[in-house]
C-alpha atoms as a PDB file:
ATOM      1  CA  MET A   1    -103.604 239.226 121.372  1.00  0.00           C
ATOM      2  CA  GLN A   2    -106.354 240.999 119.647  1.00  0.00           C
ATOM      3  CA  LEU A   3    -105.727 242.300 116.163  1.00  0.00           C
ATOM      4  CA  LYS A   4    -107.642 245.066 114.438  1.00  0.00           C
ATOM      5  CA  PHE A   5    -109.347 244.359 111.122  1.00  0.00           C
ATOM      6  CA  GLU A   6    -111.677 246.331 108.895  1.00  0.00           C
ATOM      7  CA  ALA A   7    -114.815 244.775 107.339  1.00  0.00           C
ATOM      8  CA  ALA A   8    -116.603 246.036 104.250  1.00  0.00           C
ATOM      9  CA  ILE A   9    -120.296 245.208 104.269  1.00  0.00           C
ATOM     10  CA  TYR A  10    -123.443 246.048 102.298  1.00  0.00           C
ATOM     11  CA  ASN A  11    -126.953 244.584 102.148  1.00  0.00           C
ATOM     12  CA  GLU A  12    -128.055 243.069  98.857  1.00  0.00           C
ATOM     13  CA  GLU A  13    -131.755 243.125  99.735  1.00  0.00           C
ATOM     14  CA  VAL A  14    -131.568 246.981 100.249  1.00  0.00           C
ATOM     15  CA  LEU A  15    -129.703 247.339  96.918  1.00  0.00           C
ATOM     16  CA  ALA A  16    -132.219 245.285  95.079  1.00  0.00           C
ATOM     17  CA  ALA A  17    -135.183 247.167  96.650  1.00  0.00           C
ATOM     18  CA  LEU A  18    -133.623 250.556  95.664  1.00  0.00           C
ATOM     19  CA  GLN A  19    -132.979 249.306  92.058  1.00  0.00           C
ATOM     20  CA  GLU A  20    -136.760 248.521  91.897  1.00  0.00           C
ATOM     21  CA  GLY A  21    -137.618 251.947  93.263  1.00  0.00           C
ATOM     22  CA  GLU A  22    -138.667 250.534  96.630  1.00  0.00           C
ATOM     23  CA  HIS A  23    -137.293 250.693 100.188  1.00  0.00           C
ATOM     24  CA  HIS A  24    -136.334 247.794 102.500  1.00  0.00           C
ATOM     25  CA  LYS A  25    -138.863 247.315 105.278  1.00  0.00           C
ATOM     26  CA  ASP A  26    -136.345 247.180 108.074  1.00  0.00           C
ATOM     27  CA  LEU A  27    -133.057 248.800 106.908  1.00  0.00           C
ATOM     28  CA  SER A  28    -132.151 252.196 105.808  1.00  0.00           C
ATOM     29  CA  ASP A  29    -131.316 252.948 102.137  1.00  0.00           C
ATOM     30  CA  SER A  30    -127.654 253.587 103.154  1.00  0.00           C
ATOM     31  CA  TRP A  31    -127.162 249.836 103.403  1.00  0.00           C
ATOM     32  CA  ALA A  32    -127.092 249.676  99.649  1.00  0.00           C
ATOM     33  CA  ASP A  33    -123.662 251.236  99.908  1.00  0.00           C
ATOM     34  CA  THR A  34    -120.628 249.617 101.526  1.00  0.00           C
ATOM     35  CA  HIS A  35    -120.291 250.281 105.321  1.00  0.00           C
ATOM     36  CA  TYR A  36    -116.889 249.874 107.021  1.00  0.00           C
ATOM     37  CA  PHE A  37    -116.509 248.499 110.503  1.00  0.00           C
ATOM     38  CA  ASP A  38    -113.599 247.892 112.808  1.00  0.00           C
ATOM     39  CA  VAL A  39    -113.488 244.344 114.193  1.00  0.00           C
ATOM     40  CA  TYR A  40    -111.101 243.042 116.883  1.00  0.00           C
ATOM     41  CA  ALA A  41    -110.187 239.347 116.793  1.00  0.00           C
ATOM     42  CA  VAL A  42    -107.197 237.079 117.334  1.00  0.00           C
ATOM     43  CA  SER A  43    -107.185 236.047 113.682  1.00  0.00           C
ATOM     44  CA  ILE A  44    -108.676 236.864 110.326  1.00  0.00           C
ATOM     45  CA  GLU A  45    -110.691 233.629 110.604  1.00  0.00           C
ATOM     46  CA  GLN A  46    -112.207 234.827 113.882  1.00  0.00           C
ATOM     47  CA  ALA A  47    -112.913 238.194 112.405  1.00  0.00           C
ATOM     48  CA  TRP A  48    -114.849 236.611 109.537  1.00  0.00           C
ATOM     49  CA  GLU A  49    -116.748 234.427 112.071  1.00  0.00           C
ATOM     50  CA  LYS A  50    -117.747 237.407 114.203  1.00  0.00           C
ATOM     51  CA  MET A  51    -118.921 239.438 111.325  1.00  0.00           C
ATOM     52  CA  ARG A  52    -120.914 236.567 109.728  1.00  0.00           C
ATOM     53  CA  ARG A  53    -122.712 236.109 113.007  1.00  0.00           C
ATOM     54  CA  LYS A  54    -123.557 239.843 113.385  1.00  0.00           C
ATOM     55  CA  TYR A  55    -124.243 240.470 109.601  1.00  0.00           C
ATOM     56  CA  SER A  56    -125.990 237.272 108.497  1.00  0.00           C
ATOM     57  CA  ALA A  57    -126.244 236.405 104.785  1.00  0.00           C
ATOM     58  CA  ASP A  58    -129.717 235.129 105.646  1.00  0.00           C
ATOM     59  CA  ARG A  59    -130.669 238.749 106.172  1.00  0.00           C
ATOM     60  CA  GLY A  60    -129.097 239.894 102.929  1.00  0.00           C
ATOM     61  CA  PHE A  61    -125.697 241.166 104.171  1.00  0.00           C
ATOM     62  CA  VAL A  62    -122.683 240.677 101.992  1.00  0.00           C
ATOM     63  CA  ILE A  63    -119.234 240.831 103.559  1.00  0.00           C
ATOM     64  CA  LYS A  64    -117.127 242.016 100.636  1.00  0.00           C
ATOM     65  CA  ALA A  65    -113.770 241.905 102.450  1.00  0.00           C
ATOM     66  CA  ILE A  66    -112.004 241.840 105.774  1.00  0.00           C
ATOM     67  CA  GLU A  67    -108.478 243.048 105.972  1.00  0.00           C
ATOM     68  CA  ALA A  68    -105.949 243.623 108.712  1.00  0.00           C
ATOM     69  CA  ILE A  69    -105.238 247.158 109.797  1.00  0.00           C
ATOM     70  CA  ASP A  70    -101.805 248.096 111.153  1.00  0.00           C
END
């Protein structure tokens, strides 16, 4: 059974660029702020795995938290 989780994600490369008065070459400035996404998975571990694949740390994404939603 799929459960619903909420992931909180921002991009540290965008945040660093904005702090230096620059803009990221590929992502909008809004990625400096936390974005919230629903993710459906059978477990919290699978939710983390899905989000790590989609929002890779290699591209500057930071997954702050993933929590179950009732």
